Amino acid sequence: MKSVWTVLLTKAERAVRVAQQKLADAQQKKNLALERSEKLDSMLTEYSNQLRDVQLRSHHTREVGNYQQFIFQLQAMKVRSKQEMNVLDEVCVKARKIMLTREHERLKIELLAQREREKFEVEALAFENSEIESGALQQFNLKARG
């Protein structure tokens, strides 16, 4: 028969694993968003340099306009990327707090389960000592009579 603490410990361990997985998922999404943001930075730099080169060599307003429009779109994407990063940072912080809370709960339950095991061990030893003393007393009484 399982003790209540053993069942609670199993449940707490499962909650910790779920929280750890959610944190890992949030961190992975954040890492992917960071990669996209860095790629946008790279593209912004590259296309800004290309626009500068086009402006220096010729004055085709249509080509310059196309570059400017594309750069504007990249900048808008960069703004959305920063907003996404802020949201994902917040999600990671919350997931980390939840995971730490679950781990703290698991540790408390583990400590209580350990105390219960130790209590049962002490009680078992006390019972065993009592049985030994009772047996020794009976043998002593039998020898004393005989």
C-alpha atoms as a PDB file:
ATOM      1  CA  MET A   1       0.000   0.000   0.000  1.00  0.00           C
ATOM      2  CA  LYS A   2       1.386   3.381  -1.039  1.00  0.00           C
ATOM      3  CA  SER A   3       1.462   6.184   1.467  1.00  0.00           C
ATOM      4  CA  VAL A   4      -0.268   9.454   0.747  1.00  0.00           C
ATOM      5  CA  TRP A   5       3.105  11.168   0.516  1.00  0.00           C
ATOM      6  CA  THR A   6       4.322   8.756  -2.140  1.00  0.00           C
ATOM      7  CA  VAL A   7       1.250   9.441  -4.266  1.00  0.00           C
ATOM      8  CA  LEU A   8       1.610  13.197  -3.747  1.00  0.00           C
ATOM      9  CA  LEU A   9       5.306  13.001  -4.596  1.00  0.00           C
ATOM     10  CA  THR A  10       4.556  11.190  -7.854  1.00  0.00           C
ATOM     11  CA  LYS A  11       1.977  13.822  -8.716  1.00  0.00           C
ATOM     12  CA  ALA A  12       4.403  16.649  -7.841  1.00  0.00           C
ATOM     13  CA  GLU A  13       7.161  15.086  -9.958  1.00  0.00           C
ATOM     14  CA  ARG A  14       4.764  14.911 -12.904  1.00  0.00           C
ATOM     15  CA  ALA A  15       3.839  18.587 -12.387  1.00  0.00           C
ATOM     16  CA  VAL A  16       7.541  19.508 -12.377  1.00  0.00           C
ATOM     17  CA  ARG A  17       8.128  17.625 -15.644  1.00  0.00           C
ATOM     18  CA  VAL A  18       5.151  19.386 -17.275  1.00  0.00           C
ATOM     19  CA  ALA A  19       6.396  22.785 -16.059  1.00  0.00           C
ATOM     20  CA  GLN A  20       9.928  22.028 -17.289  1.00  0.00           C
ATOM     21  CA  GLN A  21       8.560  21.076 -20.712  1.00  0.00           C
ATOM     22  CA  LYS A  22       6.511  24.276 -20.912  1.00  0.00           C
ATOM     23  CA  LEU A  23       9.600  26.292 -19.997  1.00  0.00           C
ATOM     24  CA  ALA A  24      11.659  24.476 -22.639  1.00  0.00           C
ATOM     25  CA  ASP A  25       8.950  25.124 -25.253  1.00  0.00           C
ATOM     26  CA  ALA A  26       8.784  28.816 -24.338  1.00  0.00           C
ATOM     27  CA  GLN A  27      12.572  29.086 -24.453  1.00  0.00           C
ATOM     28  CA  GLN A  28      12.653  27.406 -27.867  1.00  0.00           C
ATOM     29  CA  LYS A  29      10.044  29.844 -29.227  1.00  0.00           C
ATOM     30  CA  LYS A  30      12.085  32.718 -27.817  1.00  0.00           C
ATOM     31  CA  ASN A  31      15.262  31.383 -29.454  1.00  0.00           C
ATOM     32  CA  LEU A  32      13.505  31.050 -32.816  1.00  0.00           C
ATOM     33  CA  ALA A  33      12.153  34.597 -32.517  1.00  0.00           C
ATOM     34  CA  LEU A  34      15.661  35.821 -31.684  1.00  0.00           C
ATOM     35  CA  GLU A  35      17.024  34.098 -34.798  1.00  0.00           C
ATOM     36  CA  ARG A  36      14.318  35.768 -36.917  1.00  0.00           C
ATOM     37  CA  SER A  37      15.128  39.131 -35.350  1.00  0.00           C
ATOM     38  CA  GLU A  38      18.824  38.717 -36.103  1.00  0.00           C
ATOM     39  CA  LYS A  39      17.989  37.725 -39.674  1.00  0.00           C
ATOM     40  CA  LEU A  40      15.857  40.874 -40.014  1.00  0.00           C
ATOM     41  CA  ASP A  41      18.764  42.961 -38.690  1.00  0.00           C
ATOM     42  CA  SER A  42      21.040  41.385 -41.254  1.00  0.00           C
ATOM     43  CA  MET A  43      18.570  42.000 -44.074  1.00  0.00           C
ATOM     44  CA  LEU A  44      18.050  45.620 -42.982  1.00  0.00           C
ATOM     45  CA  THR A  45      21.789  46.226 -43.072  1.00  0.00           C
ATOM     46  CA  GLU A  46      22.201  44.472 -46.409  1.00  0.00           C
ATOM     47  CA  TYR A  47      19.337  46.271 -48.148  1.00  0.00           C
ATOM     48  CA  SER A  48      20.274  49.654 -46.650  1.00  0.00           C
ATOM     49  CA  ASN A  49      23.755  49.201 -48.112  1.00  0.00           C
ATOM     50  CA  GLN A  50      22.275  48.187 -51.464  1.00  0.00           C
ATOM     51  CA  LEU A  51      19.991  51.249 -51.424  1.00  0.00           C
ATOM     52  CA  ARG A  52      22.972  53.489 -50.733  1.00  0.00           C
ATOM     53  CA  ASP A  53      24.857  51.892 -53.640  1.00  0.00           C
ATOM     54  CA  VAL A  54      21.874  52.362 -55.980  1.00  0.00           C
ATOM     55  CA  GLN A  55      21.540  55.988 -54.924  1.00  0.00           C
ATOM     56  CA  LEU A  56      25.243  56.591 -55.593  1.00  0.00           C
ATOM     57  CA  ARG A  57      25.439  55.008 -59.041  1.00  0.00           C
ATOM     58  CA  SER A  58      22.113  56.003 -60.548  1.00  0.00           C
ATOM     59  CA  HIS A  59      19.014  57.890 -59.781  1.00  0.00           C
ATOM     60  CA  HIS A  60      16.326  55.515 -60.969  1.00  0.00           C
ATOM     61  CA  THR A  61      13.569  56.663 -58.678  1.00  0.00           C
ATOM     62  CA  ARG A  62      11.567  53.515 -59.216  1.00  0.00           C
ATOM     63  CA  GLU A  63      14.414  51.242 -58.096  1.00  0.00           C
ATOM     64  CA  VAL A  64      15.206  53.526 -55.148  1.00  0.00           C
ATOM     65  CA  GLY A  65      11.504  53.588 -54.235  1.00  0.00           C
ATOM     66  CA  ASN A  66      11.334  49.787 -54.338  1.00  0.00           C
ATOM     67  CA  TYR A  67      14.325  49.498 -51.997  1.00  0.00           C
ATOM     68  CA  GLN A  68      12.868  52.117 -49.654  1.00  0.00           C
ATOM     69  CA  GLN A  69       9.497  50.357 -49.593  1.00  0.00           C
ATOM     70  CA  PHE A  70      11.133  46.997 -48.874  1.00  0.00           C
ATOM     71  CA  ILE A  71      13.268  48.513 -46.101  1.00  0.00           C
ATOM     72  CA  PHE A  72      10.151  50.097 -44.616  1.00  0.00           C
ATOM     73  CA  GLN A  73       8.474  46.658 -44.594  1.00  0.00           C
ATOM     74  CA  LEU A  74      11.545  45.139 -42.942  1.00  0.00           C
ATOM     75  CA  GLN A  75      11.478  47.867 -40.287  1.00  0.00           C
ATOM     76  CA  ALA A  76       7.791  47.166 -39.611  1.00  0.00           C
ATOM     77  CA  MET A  77       8.611  43.471 -39.263  1.00  0.00           C
ATOM     78  CA  LYS A  78      11.446  44.383 -36.882  1.00  0.00           C
ATOM     79  CA  VAL A  79       9.013  46.353 -34.682  1.00  0.00           C
ATOM     80  CA  ARG A  80       6.657  43.354 -34.561  1.00  0.00           C
ATOM     81  CA  SER A  81       9.642  41.116 -33.835  1.00  0.00           C
ATOM     82  CA  LYS A  82      10.617  43.273 -30.841  1.00  0.00           C
ATOM     83  CA  GLN A  83       7.048  43.126 -29.554  1.00  0.00           C
ATOM     84  CA  GLU A  84       7.055  39.347 -29.971  1.00  0.00           C
ATOM     85  CA  MET A  85      10.368  39.105 -28.100  1.00  0.00           C
ATOM     86  CA  ASN A  86       8.933  41.131 -25.207  1.00  0.00           C
ATOM     87  CA  VAL A  87       5.912  38.826 -25.012  1.00  0.00           C
ATOM     88  CA  LEU A  88       8.094  35.716 -25.217  1.00  0.00           C
ATOM     89  CA  ASP A  89      10.422  37.073 -22.516  1.00  0.00           C
ATOM     90  CA  GLU A  90       7.403  37.495 -20.269  1.00  0.00           C
ATOM     91  CA  VAL A  91       6.161  33.988 -21.098  1.00  0.00           C
ATOM     92  CA  CYS A  92       9.589  32.547 -20.243  1.00  0.00           C
ATOM     93  CA  VAL A  93       9.717  34.407 -16.935  1.00  0.00           C
ATOM     94  CA  LYS A  94       6.250  33.145 -15.990  1.00  0.00           C
ATOM     95  CA  ALA A  95       7.073  29.585 -17.073  1.00  0.00           C
ATOM     96  CA  ARG A  96      10.302  29.688 -15.042  1.00  0.00           C
ATOM     97  CA  LYS A  97       8.440  30.936 -11.957  1.00  0.00           C
ATOM     98  CA  ILE A  98       5.843  28.185 -12.317  1.00  0.00           C
ATOM     99  CA  MET A  99       8.547  25.550 -12.769  1.00  0.00           C
ATOM    100  CA  LEU A 100      10.429  26.786  -9.693  1.00  0.00           C
ATOM    101  CA  THR A 101       7.202  26.799  -7.670  1.00  0.00           C
ATOM    102  CA  ARG A 102       6.432  23.229  -8.755  1.00  0.00           C
ATOM    103  CA  GLU A 103       9.975  22.144  -7.905  1.00  0.00           C
ATOM    104  CA  HIS A 104       9.711  23.805  -4.484  1.00  0.00           C
ATOM    105  CA  GLU A 105       6.423  21.973  -3.846  1.00  0.00           C
ATOM    106  CA  ARG A 106       8.026  18.697  -4.933  1.00  0.00           C
ATOM    107  CA  LEU A 107      10.932  19.237  -2.545  1.00  0.00           C
ATOM    108  CA  LYS A 108       8.570  19.949   0.363  1.00  0.00           C
ATOM    109  CA  ILE A 109       6.560  16.809  -0.368  1.00  0.00           C
ATOM    110  CA  GLU A 110       9.760  14.792  -0.741  1.00  0.00           C
ATOM    111  CA  LEU A 111      10.907  16.041   2.667  1.00  0.00           C
ATOM    112  CA  LEU A 112       7.574  15.118   4.256  1.00  0.00           C
ATOM    113  CA  ALA A 113       7.674  11.690   2.617  1.00  0.00           C
ATOM    114  CA  GLN A 114      11.198  11.180   3.975  1.00  0.00           C
ATOM    115  CA  ARG A 115      10.056  12.184   7.459  1.00  0.00           C
ATOM    116  CA  GLU A 116       7.208   9.685   7.254  1.00  0.00           C
ATOM    117  CA  ARG A 117       9.602   6.912   6.176  1.00  0.00           C
ATOM    118  CA  GLU A 118      11.946   7.772   9.033  1.00  0.00           C
ATOM    119  CA  LYS A 119       9.029   7.800  11.485  1.00  0.00           C
ATOM    120  CA  PHE A 120       7.967   4.332  10.325  1.00  0.00           C
ATOM    121  CA  GLU A 121      11.547   3.094  10.607  1.00  0.00           C
ATOM    122  CA  VAL A 122      11.801   4.424  14.175  1.00  0.00           C
ATOM    123  CA  GLU A 123       8.450   2.853  15.049  1.00  0.00           C
ATOM    124  CA  ALA A 124       9.521  -0.446  13.482  1.00  0.00           C
ATOM    125  CA  LEU A 125      12.781  -0.406  15.444  1.00  0.00           C
ATOM    126  CA  ALA A 126      10.918   0.429  18.650  1.00  0.00           C
ATOM    127  CA  PHE A 127       8.484  -2.424  17.998  1.00  0.00           C
ATOM    128  CA  GLU A 128      11.351  -4.795  17.237  1.00  0.00           C
ATOM    129  CA  ASN A 129      13.176  -3.745  20.425  1.00  0.00           C
ATOM    130  CA  SER A 130       9.979  -4.191  22.397  1.00  0.00           C
ATOM    131  CA  GLU A 131       9.540  -7.696  20.947  1.00  0.00           C
ATOM    132  CA  ILE A 132      13.154  -8.587  21.748  1.00  0.00           C
ATOM    133  CA  GLU A 133      12.817  -7.271  25.309  1.00  0.00           C
ATOM    134  CA  SER A 134       9.532  -9.127  25.741  1.00  0.00           C
ATOM    135  CA  GLY A 135      11.101 -12.355  24.498  1.00  0.00           C
ATOM    136  CA  ALA A 136      14.148 -11.886  26.728  1.00  0.00           C
ATOM    137  CA  LEU A 137      11.910 -11.184  29.737  1.00  0.00           C
ATOM    138  CA  GLN A 138       9.882 -14.337  29.046  1.00  0.00           C
ATOM    139  CA  GLN A 139      13.065 -16.408  28.807  1.00  0.00           C
ATOM    140  CA  PHE A 140      14.355 -14.885  32.021  1.00  0.00           C
ATOM    141  CA  ASN A 141      11.079 -15.649  33.795  1.00  0.00           C
ATOM    142  CA  LEU A 142      11.097 -19.232  32.507  1.00  0.00           C
ATOM    143  CA  LYS A 143      14.680 -19.754  33.680  1.00  0.00           C
ATOM    144  CA  ALA A 144      13.914 -18.169  37.038  1.00  0.00           C
ATOM    145  CA  ARG A 145      11.006 -20.604  37.611  1.00  0.00           C
ATOM    146  CA  GLY A 146      12.817 -23.624  36.495  1.00  0.00           C
END
